[in-house]
């Protein structure tokens, strides 16, 4: 997964659900700094955090990987 692309999608879904960064970070039990780094693509989210993100946003992990539901690698 490309960290920047995934980060942009996390941010987009977060905004669609009307979470501020602070609210979303609180829900995930992480710092706003970590959330910001993940959304910018500066840091790749560990799998455990991705699982919390998709559960909180009520989306499928595949939606973060590719908008069409397919990984670019095939």
PDB file of N, CA and C in Angstrom:
ATOM      1  N   UNK A   1       0.844  -1.192   0.000  1.00  0.00           N
ATOM      2  CA  UNK A   1       0.000   0.000   0.000  1.00  0.00           C
ATOM      3  C   UNK A   1       0.880   1.244   0.000  1.00  0.00           C
ATOM      4  N   UNK A   2       0.504   2.180  -0.765  1.00  0.00           N
ATOM      5  CA  UNK A   2       1.226   3.436  -0.796  1.00  0.00           C
ATOM      6  C   UNK A   2       0.720   4.314   0.336  1.00  0.00           C
ATOM      7  N   UNK A   3       1.625   4.719   1.217  1.00  0.00           N
ATOM      8  CA  UNK A   3       1.238   5.442   2.432  1.00  0.00           C
ATOM      9  C   UNK A   3       0.512   6.753   2.134  1.00  0.00           C
ATOM     10  N   UNK A   4       0.974   7.502   1.147  1.00  0.00           N
ATOM     11  CA  UNK A   4       0.325   8.791   0.846  1.00  0.00           C
ATOM     12  C   UNK A   4      -1.096   8.603   0.340  1.00  0.00           C
ATOM     13  N   UNK A   5      -1.282   7.634  -0.542  1.00  0.00           N
ATOM     14  CA  UNK A   5      -2.608   7.379  -1.097  1.00  0.00           C
ATOM     15  C   UNK A   5      -3.568   6.908  -0.009  1.00  0.00           C
ATOM     16  N   UNK A   6      -3.111   5.994   0.818  1.00  0.00           N
ATOM     17  CA  UNK A   6      -3.940   5.479   1.907  1.00  0.00           C
ATOM     18  C   UNK A   6      -4.250   6.602   2.891  1.00  0.00           C
ATOM     19  N   UNK A   7      -3.256   7.407   3.196  1.00  0.00           N
ATOM     20  CA  UNK A   7      -3.451   8.527   4.113  1.00  0.00           C
ATOM     21  C   UNK A   7      -4.490   9.516   3.615  1.00  0.00           C
ATOM     22  N   UNK A   8      -4.445   9.817   2.324  1.00  0.00           N
ATOM     23  CA  UNK A   8      -5.447  10.729   1.738  1.00  0.00           C
ATOM     24  C   UNK A   8      -6.840  10.139   1.858  1.00  0.00           C
ATOM     25  N   UNK A   9      -6.955   8.858   1.645  1.00  0.00           N
ATOM     26  CA  UNK A   9      -8.272   8.211   1.740  1.00  0.00           C
ATOM     27  C   UNK A   9      -8.781   8.193   3.178  1.00  0.00           C
ATOM     28  N   UNK A  10      -7.885   7.947   4.122  1.00  0.00           N
ATOM     29  CA  UNK A  10      -8.289   7.983   5.526  1.00  0.00           C
ATOM     30  C   UNK A  10      -8.832   9.371   5.853  1.00  0.00           C
ATOM     31  N   UNK A  11      -8.105  10.391   5.433  1.00  0.00           N
ATOM     32  CA  UNK A  11      -8.534  11.772   5.699  1.00  0.00           C
ATOM     33  C   UNK A  11      -9.889  12.055   5.062  1.00  0.00           C
ATOM     34  N   UNK A  12     -10.078  11.619   3.825  1.00  0.00           N
ATOM     35  CA  UNK A  12     -11.350  11.851   3.126  1.00  0.00           C
ATOM     36  C   UNK A  12     -12.507  11.175   3.842  1.00  0.00           C
ATOM     37  N   UNK A  13     -12.332   9.916   4.214  1.00  0.00           N
ATOM     38  CA  UNK A  13     -13.397   9.199   4.922  1.00  0.00           C
ATOM     39  C   UNK A  13     -13.649   9.819   6.293  1.00  0.00           C
ATOM     40  N   UNK A  14     -12.581  10.245   6.963  1.00  0.00           N
ATOM     41  CA  UNK A  14     -12.742  10.899   8.272  1.00  0.00           C
ATOM     42  C   UNK A  14     -13.608  12.143   8.137  1.00  0.00           C
ATOM     43  N   UNK A  15     -13.326  12.931   7.107  1.00  0.00           N
ATOM     44  CA  UNK A  15     -14.096  14.157   6.899  1.00  0.00           C
ATOM     45  C   UNK A  15     -15.537  13.850   6.512  1.00  0.00           C
ATOM     46  N   UNK A  16     -15.748  12.809   5.705  1.00  0.00           N
ATOM     47  CA  UNK A  16     -17.113  12.406   5.346  1.00  0.00           C
ATOM     48  C   UNK A  16     -17.926  12.045   6.588  1.00  0.00           C
ATOM     49  N   UNK A  17     -17.250  11.443   7.557  1.00  0.00           N
ATOM     50  CA  UNK A  17     -17.921  11.052   8.808  1.00  0.00           C
ATOM     51  C   UNK A  17     -17.962  12.201   9.815  1.00  0.00           C
ATOM     52  N   UNK A  18     -17.444  13.352   9.403  1.00  0.00           N
ATOM     53  CA  UNK A  18     -17.466  14.582  10.205  1.00  0.00           C
ATOM     54  C   UNK A  18     -16.699  14.489  11.512  1.00  0.00           C
ATOM     55  N   UNK A  19     -15.606  13.752  11.488  1.00  0.00           N
ATOM     56  CA  UNK A  19     -14.696  13.720  12.626  1.00  0.00           C
ATOM     57  C   UNK A  19     -13.627  14.790  12.434  1.00  0.00           C
ATOM     58  N   UNK A  20     -13.315  15.524  13.498  1.00  0.00           N
ATOM     59  CA  UNK A  20     -12.105  16.349  13.477  1.00  0.00           C
ATOM     60  C   UNK A  20     -10.931  15.404  13.707  1.00  0.00           C
ATOM     61  N   UNK A  21      -9.727  15.882  13.454  1.00  0.00           N
ATOM     62  CA  UNK A  21      -8.564  15.038  13.735  1.00  0.00           C
ATOM     63  C   UNK A  21      -8.525  14.659  15.214  1.00  0.00           C
ATOM     64  N   UNK A  22      -8.831  15.618  16.080  1.00  0.00           N
ATOM     65  CA  UNK A  22      -8.797  15.344  17.521  1.00  0.00           C
ATOM     66  C   UNK A  22      -9.827  14.280  17.901  1.00  0.00           C
ATOM     67  N   UNK A  23     -11.044  14.418  17.404  1.00  0.00           N
ATOM     68  CA  UNK A  23     -12.096  13.442  17.718  1.00  0.00           C
ATOM     69  C   UNK A  23     -11.724  12.050  17.224  1.00  0.00           C
ATOM     70  N   UNK A  24     -11.192  11.997  16.002  1.00  0.00           N
ATOM     71  CA  UNK A  24     -10.846  10.709  15.410  1.00  0.00           C
ATOM     72  C   UNK A  24      -9.673  10.071  16.156  1.00  0.00           C
ATOM     73  N   UNK A  25      -8.663  10.865  16.470  1.00  0.00           N
ATOM     74  CA  UNK A  25      -7.521  10.354  17.233  1.00  0.00           C
ATOM     75  C   UNK A  25      -7.977   9.824  18.588  1.00  0.00           C
ATOM     76  N   UNK A  26      -8.889  10.544  19.237  1.00  0.00           N
ATOM     77  CA  UNK A  26      -9.422  10.094  20.527  1.00  0.00           C
ATOM     78  C   UNK A  26     -10.139   8.754  20.380  1.00  0.00           C
ATOM     79  N   UNK A  27     -10.919   8.599  19.322  1.00  0.00           N
ATOM     80  CA  UNK A  27     -11.630   7.338  19.076  1.00  0.00           C
ATOM     81  C   UNK A  27     -10.655   6.178  18.876  1.00  0.00           C
ATOM     82  N   UNK A  28      -9.520   6.479  18.242  1.00  0.00           N
ATOM     83  CA  UNK A  28      -8.524   5.452  17.934  1.00  0.00           C
ATOM     84  C   UNK A  28      -7.524   5.243  19.074  1.00  0.00           C
ATOM     85  N   UNK A  29      -7.586   6.123  20.089  1.00  0.00           N
ATOM     86  CA  UNK A  29      -6.648   6.083  21.216  1.00  0.00           C
ATOM     87  C   UNK A  29      -5.204   6.274  20.749  1.00  0.00           C
ATOM     88  N   UNK A  30      -5.016   7.249  19.852  1.00  0.00           N
ATOM     89  CA  UNK A  30      -3.682   7.614  19.368  1.00  0.00           C
ATOM     90  C   UNK A  30      -3.539   9.133  19.465  1.00  0.00           C
ATOM     91  N   UNK A  31      -2.334   9.610  19.264  1.00  0.00           N
ATOM     92  CA  UNK A  31      -2.105  11.056  19.304  1.00  0.00           C
ATOM     93  C   UNK A  31      -2.539  11.690  17.983  1.00  0.00           C
ATOM     94  N   UNK A  32      -2.868  12.971  18.054  1.00  0.00           N
ATOM     95  CA  UNK A  32      -3.205  13.718  16.843  1.00  0.00           C
ATOM     96  C   UNK A  32      -1.982  13.768  15.918  1.00  0.00           C
ATOM     97  N   UNK A  33      -0.803  13.843  16.503  1.00  0.00           N
ATOM     98  CA  UNK A  33       0.428  13.868  15.710  1.00  0.00           C
ATOM     99  C   UNK A  33       0.582  12.612  14.870  1.00  0.00           C
ATOM    100  N   UNK A  34       0.289  11.460  15.458  1.00  0.00           N
ATOM    101  CA  UNK A  34       0.383  10.208  14.710  1.00  0.00           C
ATOM    102  C   UNK A  34      -0.669  10.175  13.605  1.00  0.00           C
ATOM    103  N   UNK A  35      -1.893  10.569  13.925  1.00  0.00           N
ATOM    104  CA  UNK A  35      -2.947  10.590  12.913  1.00  0.00           C
ATOM    105  C   UNK A  35      -2.569  11.513  11.762  1.00  0.00           C
ATOM    106  N   UNK A  36      -2.057  12.680  12.093  1.00  0.00           N
ATOM    107  CA  UNK A  36      -1.649  13.636  11.073  1.00  0.00           C
ATOM    108  C   UNK A  36      -0.557  13.049  10.173  1.00  0.00           C
ATOM    109  N   UNK A  37       0.424  12.389  10.782  1.00  0.00           N
ATOM    110  CA  UNK A  37       1.508  11.780  10.007  1.00  0.00           C
ATOM    111  C   UNK A  37       0.975  10.691   9.079  1.00  0.00           C
ATOM    112  N   UNK A  38       0.023   9.903   9.556  1.00  0.00           N
ATOM    113  CA  UNK A  38      -0.572   8.848   8.723  1.00  0.00           C
ATOM    114  C   UNK A  38      -1.361   9.468   7.577  1.00  0.00           C
ATOM    115  N   UNK A  39      -2.160  10.489   7.859  1.00  0.00           N
ATOM    116  CA  UNK A  39      -2.962  11.128   6.814  1.00  0.00           C
ATOM    117  C   UNK A  39      -2.093  11.807   5.753  1.00  0.00           C
ATOM    118  N   UNK A  40      -0.938  12.325   6.153  1.00  0.00           N
ATOM    119  CA  UNK A  40      -0.023  12.957   5.198  1.00  0.00           C
ATOM    120  C   UNK A  40       0.796  11.934   4.430  1.00  0.00           C
ATOM    121  N   UNK A  41       0.814  10.708   4.907  1.00  0.00           N
ATOM    122  CA  UNK A  41       1.622   9.675   4.272  1.00  0.00           C
ATOM    123  C   UNK A  41       3.055   9.688   4.750  1.00  0.00           C
ATOM    124  N   UNK A  42       3.339  10.459   5.793  1.00  0.00           N
ATOM    125  CA  UNK A  42       4.690  10.527   6.343  1.00  0.00           C
ATOM    126  C   UNK A  42       5.014   9.274   7.154  1.00  0.00           C
ATOM    127  N   UNK A  43       3.966   8.598   7.622  1.00  0.00           N
ATOM    128  CA  UNK A  43       4.135   7.372   8.407  1.00  0.00           C
ATOM    129  C   UNK A  43       3.086   6.364   7.952  1.00  0.00           C
ATOM    130  N   UNK A  44       3.522   5.146   7.716  1.00  0.00           N
ATOM    131  CA  UNK A  44       2.579   4.097   7.331  1.00  0.00           C
ATOM    132  C   UNK A  44       1.911   3.543   8.585  1.00  0.00           C
ATOM    133  N   UNK A  45       0.599   3.431   8.538  1.00  0.00           N
ATOM    134  CA  UNK A  45      -0.148   2.919   9.687  1.00  0.00           C
ATOM    135  C   UNK A  45       0.093   1.421   9.839  1.00  0.00           C
ATOM    136  N   UNK A  46       0.410   0.976  11.056  1.00  0.00           N
ATOM    137  CA  UNK A  46       0.524  -0.469  11.280  1.00  0.00           C
ATOM    138  C   UNK A  46      -0.832  -1.137  11.055  1.00  0.00           C
ATOM    139  N   UNK A  47      -0.808  -2.411  10.772  1.00  0.00           N
ATOM    140  CA  UNK A  47      -2.038  -3.139  10.451  1.00  0.00           C
ATOM    141  C   UNK A  47      -3.079  -3.036  11.572  1.00  0.00           C
ATOM    142  N   UNK A  48      -2.623  -3.090  12.817  1.00  0.00           N
ATOM    143  CA  UNK A  48      -3.561  -2.989  13.951  1.00  0.00           C
ATOM    144  C   UNK A  48      -4.289  -1.646  13.930  1.00  0.00           C
ATOM    145  N   UNK A  49      -3.566  -0.567  13.621  1.00  0.00           N
ATOM    146  CA  UNK A  49      -4.192   0.754  13.541  1.00  0.00           C
ATOM    147  C   UNK A  49      -5.144   0.821  12.353  1.00  0.00           C
ATOM    148  N   UNK A  50      -4.759   0.244  11.216  1.00  0.00           N
ATOM    149  CA  UNK A  50      -5.661   0.229  10.055  1.00  0.00           C
ATOM    150  C   UNK A  50      -6.969  -0.472  10.394  1.00  0.00           C
ATOM    151  N   UNK A  51      -6.882  -1.553  11.153  1.00  0.00           N
ATOM    152  CA  UNK A  51      -8.094  -2.272  11.549  1.00  0.00           C
ATOM    153  C   UNK A  51      -8.997  -1.382  12.405  1.00  0.00           C
ATOM    154  N   UNK A  52      -8.408  -0.610  13.317  1.00  0.00           N
ATOM    155  CA  UNK A  52      -9.190   0.306  14.149  1.00  0.00           C
ATOM    156  C   UNK A  52      -9.808   1.415  13.296  1.00  0.00           C
ATOM    157  N   UNK A  53      -9.044   1.904  12.326  1.00  0.00           N
ATOM    158  CA  UNK A  53      -9.525   2.980  11.450  1.00  0.00           C
ATOM    159  C   UNK A  53     -10.737   2.523  10.656  1.00  0.00           C
ATOM    160  N   UNK A  54     -10.635   1.362  10.000  1.00  0.00           N
ATOM    161  CA  UNK A  54     -11.757   0.903   9.180  1.00  0.00           C
ATOM    162  C   UNK A  54     -12.972   0.564  10.038  1.00  0.00           C
ATOM    163  N   UNK A  55     -12.746   0.043  11.241  1.00  0.00           N
ATOM    164  CA  UNK A  55     -13.868  -0.258  12.129  1.00  0.00           C
ATOM    165  C   UNK A  55     -14.558   1.026  12.575  1.00  0.00           C
ATOM    166  N   UNK A  56     -13.778   2.037  12.921  1.00  0.00           N
ATOM    167  CA  UNK A  56     -14.348   3.303  13.385  1.00  0.00           C
ATOM    168  C   UNK A  56     -15.087   4.023  12.261  1.00  0.00           C
ATOM    169  N   UNK A  57     -14.514   3.982  11.058  1.00  0.00           N
ATOM    170  CA  UNK A  57     -15.142   4.649   9.915  1.00  0.00           C
ATOM    171  C   UNK A  57     -16.254   3.809   9.286  1.00  0.00           C
ATOM    172  N   UNK A  58     -16.353   2.555   9.703  1.00  0.00           N
ATOM    173  CA  UNK A  58     -17.341   1.616   9.171  1.00  0.00           C
ATOM    174  C   UNK A  58     -17.197   1.450   7.658  1.00  0.00           C
ATOM    175  N   UNK A  59     -15.950   1.196   7.251  1.00  0.00           N
ATOM    176  CA  UNK A  59     -15.655   0.933   5.845  1.00  0.00           C
ATOM    177  C   UNK A  59     -14.854  -0.360   5.763  1.00  0.00           C
ATOM    178  N   UNK A  60     -14.676  -0.865   4.558  1.00  0.00           N
ATOM    179  CA  UNK A  60     -13.871  -2.050   4.319  1.00  0.00           C
ATOM    180  C   UNK A  60     -12.433  -1.623   4.076  1.00  0.00           C
ATOM    181  N   UNK A  61     -11.483  -2.397   4.558  1.00  0.00           N
ATOM    182  CA  UNK A  61     -10.066  -2.079   4.372  1.00  0.00           C
ATOM    183  C   UNK A  61      -9.729  -1.894   2.898  1.00  0.00           C
ATOM    184  N   UNK A  62     -10.385  -2.646   2.040  1.00  0.00           N
ATOM    185  CA  UNK A  62     -10.148  -2.567   0.601  1.00  0.00           C
ATOM    186  C   UNK A  62     -10.434  -1.157   0.064  1.00  0.00           C
ATOM    187  N   UNK A  63     -11.349  -0.437   0.693  1.00  0.00           N
ATOM    188  CA  UNK A  63     -11.671   0.922   0.259  1.00  0.00           C
ATOM    189  C   UNK A  63     -10.495   1.876   0.467  1.00  0.00           C
ATOM    190  N   UNK A  64      -9.620   1.560   1.407  1.00  0.00           N
ATOM    191  CA  UNK A  64      -8.430   2.378   1.602  1.00  0.00           C
ATOM    192  C   UNK A  64      -7.331   2.028   0.613  1.00  0.00           C
ATOM    193  N   UNK A  65      -7.305   0.766   0.224  1.00  0.00           N
ATOM    194  CA  UNK A  65      -6.253   0.303  -0.676  1.00  0.00           C
ATOM    195  C   UNK A  65      -6.474   0.805  -2.088  1.00  0.00           C
ATOM    196  N   UNK A  66      -7.714   0.738  -2.547  1.00  0.00           N
ATOM    197  CA  UNK A  66      -8.002   1.167  -3.917  1.00  0.00           C
ATOM    198  C   UNK A  66      -9.471   1.575  -4.012  1.00  0.00           C
ATOM    199  N   UNK A  67      -9.723   2.694  -4.645  1.00  0.00           N
ATOM    200  CA  UNK A  67     -11.088   3.212  -4.770  1.00  0.00           C
ATOM    201  C   UNK A  67     -12.003   2.233  -5.491  1.00  0.00           C
ATOM    202  N   UNK A  68     -11.447   1.450  -6.420  1.00  0.00           N
ATOM    203  CA  UNK A  68     -12.249   0.471  -7.162  1.00  0.00           C
ATOM    204  C   UNK A  68     -12.326  -0.880  -6.452  1.00  0.00           C
ATOM    205  N   UNK A  69     -11.658  -0.971  -5.292  1.00  0.00           N
ATOM    206  CA  UNK A  69     -11.676  -2.231  -4.559  1.00  0.00           C
ATOM    207  C   UNK A  69     -10.627  -3.211  -5.013  1.00  0.00           C
ATOM    208  N   UNK A  70      -9.629  -2.737  -5.807  1.00  0.00           N
ATOM    209  CA  UNK A  70      -8.563  -3.612  -6.302  1.00  0.00           C
ATOM    210  C   UNK A  70      -7.222  -2.996  -5.965  1.00  0.00           C
ATOM    211  N   UNK A  71      -6.322  -3.811  -5.494  1.00  0.00           N
ATOM    212  CA  UNK A  71      -4.960  -3.371  -5.217  1.00  0.00           C
ATOM    213  C   UNK A  71      -4.269  -3.122  -6.554  1.00  0.00           C
ATOM    214  N   UNK A  72      -3.495  -2.058  -6.661  1.00  0.00           N
ATOM    215  CA  UNK A  72      -2.817  -1.709  -7.906  1.00  0.00           C
ATOM    216  C   UNK A  72      -1.841  -2.787  -8.367  1.00  0.00           C
ATOM    217  N   UNK A  73      -1.402  -3.656  -7.452  1.00  0.00           N
ATOM    218  CA  UNK A  73      -0.416  -4.672  -7.790  1.00  0.00           C
ATOM    219  C   UNK A  73      -1.029  -5.868  -8.508  1.00  0.00           C
ATOM    220  N   UNK A  74      -2.331  -5.856  -8.692  1.00  0.00           N
ATOM    221  CA  UNK A  74      -2.902  -6.937  -9.466  1.00  0.00           C
ATOM    222  C   UNK A  74      -3.938  -7.636  -8.727  1.00  0.00           C
TER     223      UNK A  74
END
